Amino acid sequence: MASFKKNTATLFKTFSKNFFNDDSSYRKWKKISGEDLAPSTLESYKKLLAFQILPFFGEMSLSKINTDTVKKWIIWLNEKWSAKTSNNAQSVFNIIMKSAKEKRFIKEVPSADLSFRKIKKKHRELLTVKELKEIYQHGDWHWEVARRAFLVCAITGMRIGEVVGLQTYEVGEDRLNVEHSLHPHFGLGKTKTRICRYVPIPKIMNLKLKCGVQWAFEKPTEKAPILAGYVYKRLMAILENMGIDHKARGITIHSLRNVFISYMRGSSFGETIDLKIKAVVGHTDNTQTDWYTYWTPEMFPEIYEIQEELYKKIIGESE
């Protein structure tokens, strides 16, 4: 039978110190298993540990942390932060406590069977095709390359970081080879899911002919990629100029992903292309695609047709 550490008084803050550093056993294992975390994810984990976890558990002995204690912590979290932050903190806590179990500091992970908080889907009103046209044709983009980046987001559902991270050699006549994402602080890295994929684009765009020397969306003033933040700021300015309340409607640059997915799923092809949509936008399961879908009445032509048929039968206009 496996023996447990004699020092049962080890504090949580002692065990978790440097847990996510490059030379930690956790990171070393993640690296050799090919699952190392993205720099932005690591930064997020460290902040959650510092601000949401250590203030509560830091001075506690690992062996004294039980399920009831964790429940009190989760209640404390939800009184101070959003459900999303609470869930993220719980995930990080689970990682650390699982490691403590593997190293035989504790017998069981006290949070193993605790569910996560239910996150309410934010209210969003999708941009209409007419609005997308007006936004694209608006004269306040300043740089043509920013307008083009917006268009690619709208017709592919790609994340803005993936769009601005495209290098010229990754752009084909009818497809994009999406291998990277450009982060404003950490530079060029892997995609969010760490999976490479091909994304179709219409040939009539002639996107390949409009690329920069190295970057597909290169600044007109220097040989450097346009940043996601610039595209976002221009979009927000244009929306305000058009009188669109982007805050009330929940519109961001990421909303173009919602528009693309919802438009594709609401098309005449419907669910027959769900797997293809998932592949294009880089989702790892159908639940994510469902989460990004916002149905509107005009997306249901088949329903309208059936309703009209039923209506006519009910009122006697059809035999």
Protein backbone atom coordinates (compact mmCIF):
# COMPACT_ATOMS: atom_id res chain seq x y z
CA MET A 1 0.00 0.00 0.00
CA ALA A 2 1.32 3.44 -0.90
CA SER A 3 2.52 5.50 2.03
CA PHE A 4 1.61 9.13 2.49
CA LYS A 5 3.89 12.03 3.32
CA LYS A 6 4.70 12.26 7.01
CA ASN A 7 4.60 16.04 6.95
CA THR A 8 0.83 16.45 6.90
CA ALA A 9 1.20 20.07 8.02
CA THR A 10 2.47 21.27 4.62
CA LEU A 11 0.72 24.54 3.87
CA PHE A 12 -1.15 25.06 0.62
CA LYS A 13 0.95 28.17 -0.14
CA THR A 14 4.14 26.13 0.30
CA PHE A 15 3.01 23.33 -1.98
CA SER A 16 1.66 25.69 -4.68
CA LYS A 17 4.69 28.00 -4.70
CA ASN A 18 6.17 28.14 -8.22
CA PHE A 19 3.66 25.46 -9.27
CA PHE A 20 3.25 26.96 -12.76
CA ASN A 21 6.87 28.01 -13.32
CA ASP A 22 8.81 26.62 -16.28
CA ASP A 23 10.94 24.28 -14.16
CA SER A 24 8.11 22.88 -12.02
CA SER A 25 7.28 19.16 -12.21
CA TYR A 26 3.79 20.04 -13.44
CA ARG A 27 5.12 22.09 -16.38
CA LYS A 28 7.82 19.55 -17.23
CA TRP A 29 5.20 16.83 -17.52
CA LYS A 30 2.89 19.03 -19.59
CA LYS A 31 5.74 19.78 -21.99
CA ILE A 32 6.83 16.19 -22.61
CA SER A 33 3.20 15.12 -23.01
CA GLY A 34 2.71 17.77 -25.70
CA GLU A 35 0.06 19.61 -23.68
CA ASP A 36 1.98 22.59 -22.35
CA LEU A 37 -0.15 25.63 -21.63
CA ALA A 38 -0.16 28.76 -23.77
CA PRO A 39 1.60 31.81 -22.23
CA SER A 40 -1.71 33.65 -21.82
CA THR A 41 -3.25 30.63 -20.07
CA LEU A 42 -0.29 30.35 -17.71
CA GLU A 43 -0.58 34.04 -16.88
CA SER A 44 -4.26 33.56 -16.15
CA TYR A 45 -3.59 30.53 -13.91
CA LYS A 46 -0.99 32.45 -11.91
CA LYS A 47 -3.39 35.36 -11.36
CA LEU A 48 -6.20 33.04 -10.25
CA LEU A 49 -3.84 31.37 -7.82
CA ALA A 50 -2.68 34.72 -6.43
CA PHE A 51 -6.03 36.49 -6.13
CA GLN A 52 -8.76 33.86 -5.89
CA ILE A 53 -7.09 30.84 -4.27
CA LEU A 54 -4.20 31.79 -1.99
CA PRO A 55 -6.15 34.43 0.00
CA PHE A 56 -8.48 31.63 1.18
CA PHE A 57 -6.30 28.50 1.30
CA GLY A 58 -2.78 29.90 1.62
CA GLU A 59 -2.34 29.37 5.37
CA MET A 60 -4.23 26.05 5.49
CA SER A 61 -2.54 22.66 5.73
CA LEU A 62 -3.23 20.49 2.69
CA SER A 63 -4.51 17.69 4.93
CA LYS A 64 -7.03 20.04 6.60
CA ILE A 65 -8.74 21.06 3.37
CA ASN A 66 -11.95 19.04 3.01
CA THR A 67 -15.03 19.18 0.81
CA ASP A 68 -16.92 21.41 3.24
CA THR A 69 -14.04 23.90 3.26
CA VAL A 70 -13.98 23.96 -0.54
CA LYS A 71 -17.75 24.59 -0.65
CA LYS A 72 -17.30 27.59 1.66
CA TRP A 73 -14.55 28.86 -0.64
CA ILE A 74 -16.77 28.56 -3.71
CA ILE A 75 -19.53 30.49 -1.93
CA TRP A 76 -16.94 33.14 -1.02
CA LEU A 77 -15.81 33.28 -4.65
CA ASN A 78 -19.32 33.77 -5.97
CA GLU A 79 -19.93 36.65 -3.58
CA LYS A 80 -16.95 38.51 -5.02
CA TRP A 81 -16.49 37.40 -8.63
CA SER A 82 -18.41 36.15 -11.64
CA ALA A 83 -19.37 32.52 -12.15
CA LYS A 84 -16.79 32.28 -14.93
CA THR A 85 -13.98 33.48 -12.66
CA SER A 86 -15.20 31.14 -9.92
CA ASN A 87 -15.17 28.17 -12.29
CA ASN A 88 -11.73 29.03 -13.62
CA ALA A 89 -10.35 29.31 -10.09
CA GLN A 90 -11.93 25.97 -9.18
CA SER A 91 -10.27 24.36 -12.20
CA VAL A 92 -6.85 25.67 -11.16
CA PHE A 93 -7.43 24.54 -7.56
CA ASN A 94 -8.34 21.06 -8.85
CA ILE A 95 -5.09 20.88 -10.83
CA ILE A 96 -3.01 21.71 -7.76
CA MET A 97 -4.87 19.35 -5.44
CA LYS A 98 -4.68 16.52 -7.97
CA SER A 99 -0.92 16.99 -7.96
CA ALA A 100 -0.92 16.91 -4.15
CA LYS A 101 -2.73 13.57 -4.29
CA GLU A 102 -0.30 12.17 -6.89
CA LYS A 103 2.60 13.17 -4.63
CA ARG A 104 0.81 11.56 -1.68
CA PHE A 105 0.35 14.70 0.42
CA ILE A 106 -3.39 13.96 0.54
CA LYS A 107 -5.49 10.85 0.01
CA GLU A 108 -8.31 12.38 -2.02
CA VAL A 109 -9.00 15.56 -3.95
CA PRO A 110 -11.68 17.31 -1.83
CA SER A 111 -13.19 19.14 -4.82
CA ALA A 112 -13.27 16.17 -7.19
CA ASP A 113 -17.04 15.68 -7.06
CA LEU A 114 -18.08 19.32 -6.79
CA SER A 115 -19.89 20.74 -9.79
CA PHE A 116 -19.11 24.07 -11.41
CA ARG A 117 -21.36 27.13 -11.34
CA LYS A 118 -23.83 27.49 -14.18
CA ILE A 119 -22.83 30.35 -16.47
CA LYS A 120 -25.69 32.29 -18.00
CA LYS A 121 -25.41 32.86 -21.71
CA LYS A 122 -24.96 36.58 -22.33
CA HIS A 123 -27.66 38.44 -24.16
CA ARG A 124 -26.50 39.24 -27.65
CA GLU A 125 -28.20 40.70 -30.68
CA LEU A 126 -26.43 39.56 -33.80
CA LEU A 127 -25.30 42.06 -36.38
CA THR A 128 -27.49 41.67 -39.45
CA VAL A 129 -26.11 41.12 -42.93
CA LYS A 130 -27.22 44.66 -43.79
CA GLU A 131 -25.29 46.04 -40.80
CA LEU A 132 -22.21 44.01 -41.73
CA LYS A 133 -22.36 45.56 -45.21
CA GLU A 134 -22.65 49.08 -43.78
CA ILE A 135 -19.78 48.46 -41.37
CA TYR A 136 -17.54 47.11 -44.12
CA GLN A 137 -18.29 50.02 -46.43
CA HIS A 138 -17.86 52.63 -43.70
CA GLY A 139 -15.14 55.20 -44.30
CA ASP A 140 -13.76 55.23 -40.77
CA TRP A 141 -11.50 52.15 -40.99
CA HIS A 142 -8.44 54.38 -41.60
CA TRP A 143 -6.40 51.40 -42.82
CA GLU A 144 -7.73 49.20 -45.60
CA VAL A 145 -6.00 46.23 -43.98
CA ALA A 146 -8.22 46.64 -40.88
CA ARG A 147 -11.35 46.57 -43.06
CA ARG A 148 -10.06 43.41 -44.72
CA ALA A 149 -9.35 41.74 -41.35
CA PHE A 150 -12.93 42.52 -40.29
CA LEU A 151 -14.26 40.95 -43.49
CA VAL A 152 -12.25 37.75 -43.00
CA CYS A 153 -13.55 37.44 -39.42
CA ALA A 154 -17.12 37.84 -40.68
CA ILE A 155 -16.96 35.28 -43.49
CA THR A 156 -14.82 32.64 -41.75
CA GLY A 157 -15.72 32.87 -38.05
CA MET A 158 -12.00 32.91 -37.21
CA ARG A 159 -10.78 34.39 -33.94
CA ILE A 160 -9.29 37.85 -34.48
CA GLY A 161 -5.94 36.67 -33.06
CA GLU A 162 -5.85 33.94 -35.70
CA VAL A 163 -6.63 36.41 -38.48
CA VAL A 164 -3.94 38.96 -37.60
CA GLY A 165 -1.51 36.11 -36.90
CA LEU A 166 -1.71 34.80 -40.47
CA GLN A 167 1.58 34.88 -42.33
CA THR A 168 1.66 35.35 -46.09
CA TYR A 169 2.80 31.81 -46.81
CA GLU A 170 -0.28 30.50 -45.00
CA VAL A 171 -2.69 32.20 -47.42
CA GLY A 172 -3.83 30.28 -50.49
CA GLU A 173 -6.19 31.22 -53.30
CA ASP A 174 -9.13 29.42 -51.71
CA ARG A 175 -7.98 28.52 -48.19
CA LEU A 176 -6.10 29.64 -45.12
CA ASN A 177 -3.73 27.41 -43.20
CA VAL A 178 -4.46 28.44 -39.62
CA GLU A 179 -1.55 27.44 -37.41
CA HIS A 180 -1.03 30.43 -35.13
CA SER A 181 -2.64 33.16 -33.09
CA LEU A 182 -1.09 36.54 -32.40
CA HIS A 183 -1.31 37.71 -28.79
CA PRO A 184 -0.67 41.42 -28.03
CA HIS A 185 1.66 40.59 -25.12
CA PHE A 186 3.03 37.12 -25.84
CA GLY A 187 3.45 37.39 -29.59
CA LEU A 188 2.89 34.63 -32.12
CA GLY A 189 1.85 31.32 -30.60
CA LYS A 190 -0.34 28.33 -31.25
CA THR A 191 -4.09 28.52 -31.74
CA LYS A 192 -6.38 28.41 -28.70
CA THR A 193 -7.04 24.69 -29.17
CA ARG A 194 -3.43 24.09 -30.29
CA ILE A 195 -4.85 22.43 -33.41
CA CYS A 196 -3.98 23.48 -36.97
CA ARG A 197 -6.80 23.62 -39.50
CA TYR A 198 -7.68 24.73 -43.03
CA VAL A 199 -10.30 27.46 -43.42
CA PRO A 200 -11.98 28.00 -46.81
CA ILE A 201 -12.16 31.48 -48.34
CA PRO A 202 -13.77 32.49 -51.66
CA LYS A 203 -11.35 32.93 -54.56
CA ILE A 204 -13.05 36.16 -55.58
CA MET A 205 -11.51 37.84 -52.51
CA ASN A 206 -8.04 37.61 -54.09
CA LEU A 207 -6.71 37.73 -50.54
CA LYS A 208 -3.36 36.24 -51.50
CA LEU A 209 -2.62 39.21 -53.78
CA LYS A 210 -3.28 41.67 -50.95
CA CYS A 211 -0.91 40.17 -48.38
CA GLY A 212 2.17 41.91 -47.04
CA VAL A 213 5.75 40.71 -47.40
CA GLN A 214 5.63 38.53 -44.29
CA TRP A 215 2.19 39.07 -42.76
CA ALA A 216 -1.17 38.60 -44.43
CA PHE A 217 -2.50 41.69 -42.64
CA GLU A 218 0.52 43.97 -42.54
CA LYS A 219 0.55 47.56 -41.31
CA PRO A 220 0.85 50.02 -44.17
CA THR A 221 3.56 51.91 -42.29
CA GLU A 222 5.89 49.05 -41.33
CA LYS A 223 6.58 45.37 -41.93
CA ALA A 224 4.64 44.25 -38.87
CA PRO A 225 1.20 42.67 -38.40
CA ILE A 226 -1.80 44.79 -37.58
CA LEU A 227 -2.90 44.16 -33.99
CA ALA A 228 -6.28 42.80 -32.94
CA GLY A 229 -6.79 45.80 -30.66
CA TYR A 230 -6.63 48.20 -33.59
CA VAL A 231 -9.31 46.30 -35.53
CA TYR A 232 -11.46 46.20 -32.40
CA LYS A 233 -11.14 49.94 -31.75
CA ARG A 234 -12.00 50.81 -35.32
CA LEU A 235 -15.05 48.52 -35.23
CA MET A 236 -16.31 50.07 -31.97
CA ALA A 237 -15.84 53.58 -33.37
CA ILE A 238 -17.77 52.68 -36.51
CA LEU A 239 -20.62 51.11 -34.52
CA GLU A 240 -20.91 54.26 -32.41
CA ASN A 241 -20.85 56.40 -35.55
CA MET A 242 -23.68 54.29 -36.97
CA GLY A 243 -25.71 54.74 -33.78
CA ILE A 244 -25.43 51.07 -32.79
CA ASP A 245 -25.32 50.54 -29.02
CA HIS A 246 -22.69 47.77 -28.98
CA LYS A 247 -22.77 47.49 -25.19
CA ALA A 248 -26.53 46.93 -25.01
CA ARG A 249 -26.37 44.44 -27.86
CA GLY A 250 -23.28 42.68 -26.53
CA ILE A 251 -21.26 43.25 -29.68
CA THR A 252 -17.47 42.83 -29.76
CA ILE A 253 -15.05 41.76 -32.48
CA HIS A 254 -15.58 38.20 -31.21
CA SER A 255 -19.29 38.58 -32.02
CA LEU A 256 -18.42 38.06 -35.69
CA ARG A 257 -17.79 34.45 -34.71
CA ASN A 258 -21.36 34.26 -33.40
CA VAL A 259 -22.66 35.81 -36.61
CA PHE A 260 -20.81 33.35 -38.85
CA ILE A 261 -21.82 30.24 -36.89
CA SER A 262 -25.45 31.32 -36.50
CA TYR A 263 -25.71 32.29 -40.18
CA MET A 264 -24.25 28.97 -41.34
CA ARG A 265 -26.44 26.88 -39.06
CA GLY A 266 -29.51 28.87 -40.04
CA SER A 267 -28.88 28.42 -43.75
CA SER A 268 -30.80 26.03 -46.01
CA PHE A 269 -28.10 23.43 -45.30
CA GLY A 270 -28.93 23.51 -41.60
CA GLU A 271 -27.51 20.81 -39.37
CA THR A 272 -26.16 18.84 -42.34
CA ILE A 273 -23.01 20.98 -42.22
CA ASP A 274 -22.60 21.17 -38.43
CA LEU A 275 -19.43 19.08 -38.42
CA LYS A 276 -17.95 21.19 -41.20
CA ILE A 277 -18.78 24.40 -39.34
CA LYS A 278 -17.10 22.99 -36.24
CA ALA A 279 -13.98 22.16 -38.28
CA VAL A 280 -13.83 25.62 -39.86
CA VAL A 281 -14.13 27.60 -36.61
CA GLY A 282 -11.87 25.26 -34.65
CA HIS A 283 -14.29 23.97 -32.04
CA THR A 284 -13.41 20.73 -30.27
CA ASP A 285 -17.00 19.66 -29.57
CA ASN A 286 -20.55 20.45 -30.64
CA THR A 287 -21.39 22.05 -27.28
CA GLN A 288 -19.12 24.98 -28.13
CA THR A 289 -20.85 25.44 -31.47
CA ASP A 290 -24.25 25.42 -29.73
CA TRP A 291 -22.99 28.05 -27.28
CA TYR A 292 -22.04 30.39 -30.14
CA THR A 293 -25.36 30.02 -31.94
CA TYR A 294 -28.00 32.74 -31.59
CA TRP A 295 -31.15 31.87 -33.49
CA THR A 296 -33.29 34.59 -35.05
CA PRO A 297 -36.67 34.14 -36.81
CA GLU A 298 -35.33 34.79 -40.32
CA MET A 299 -33.05 31.78 -39.90
CA PHE A 300 -36.05 29.44 -39.92
CA PRO A 301 -37.38 29.41 -43.51
CA GLU A 302 -38.28 25.72 -43.20
CA ILE A 303 -40.22 26.35 -40.00
CA TYR A 304 -42.15 29.20 -41.60
CA GLU A 305 -43.01 26.96 -44.56
CA ILE A 306 -44.29 24.16 -42.31
CA GLN A 307 -46.18 26.63 -40.11
CA GLU A 308 -47.92 28.12 -43.10
CA GLU A 309 -48.86 24.66 -44.31
CA LEU A 310 -50.26 23.75 -40.87
CA TYR A 311 -52.05 27.08 -40.60
CA LYS A 312 -53.80 26.53 -43.92
CA LYS A 313 -54.86 23.07 -42.85
CA ILE A 314 -56.23 24.35 -39.55
CA ILE A 315 -58.30 27.16 -41.06
CA GLY A 316 -59.49 24.99 -43.92
CA GLU A 317 -57.63 26.55 -46.83
CA SER A 318 -55.83 23.29 -47.61
CA GLU A 319 -57.23 19.82 -48.01
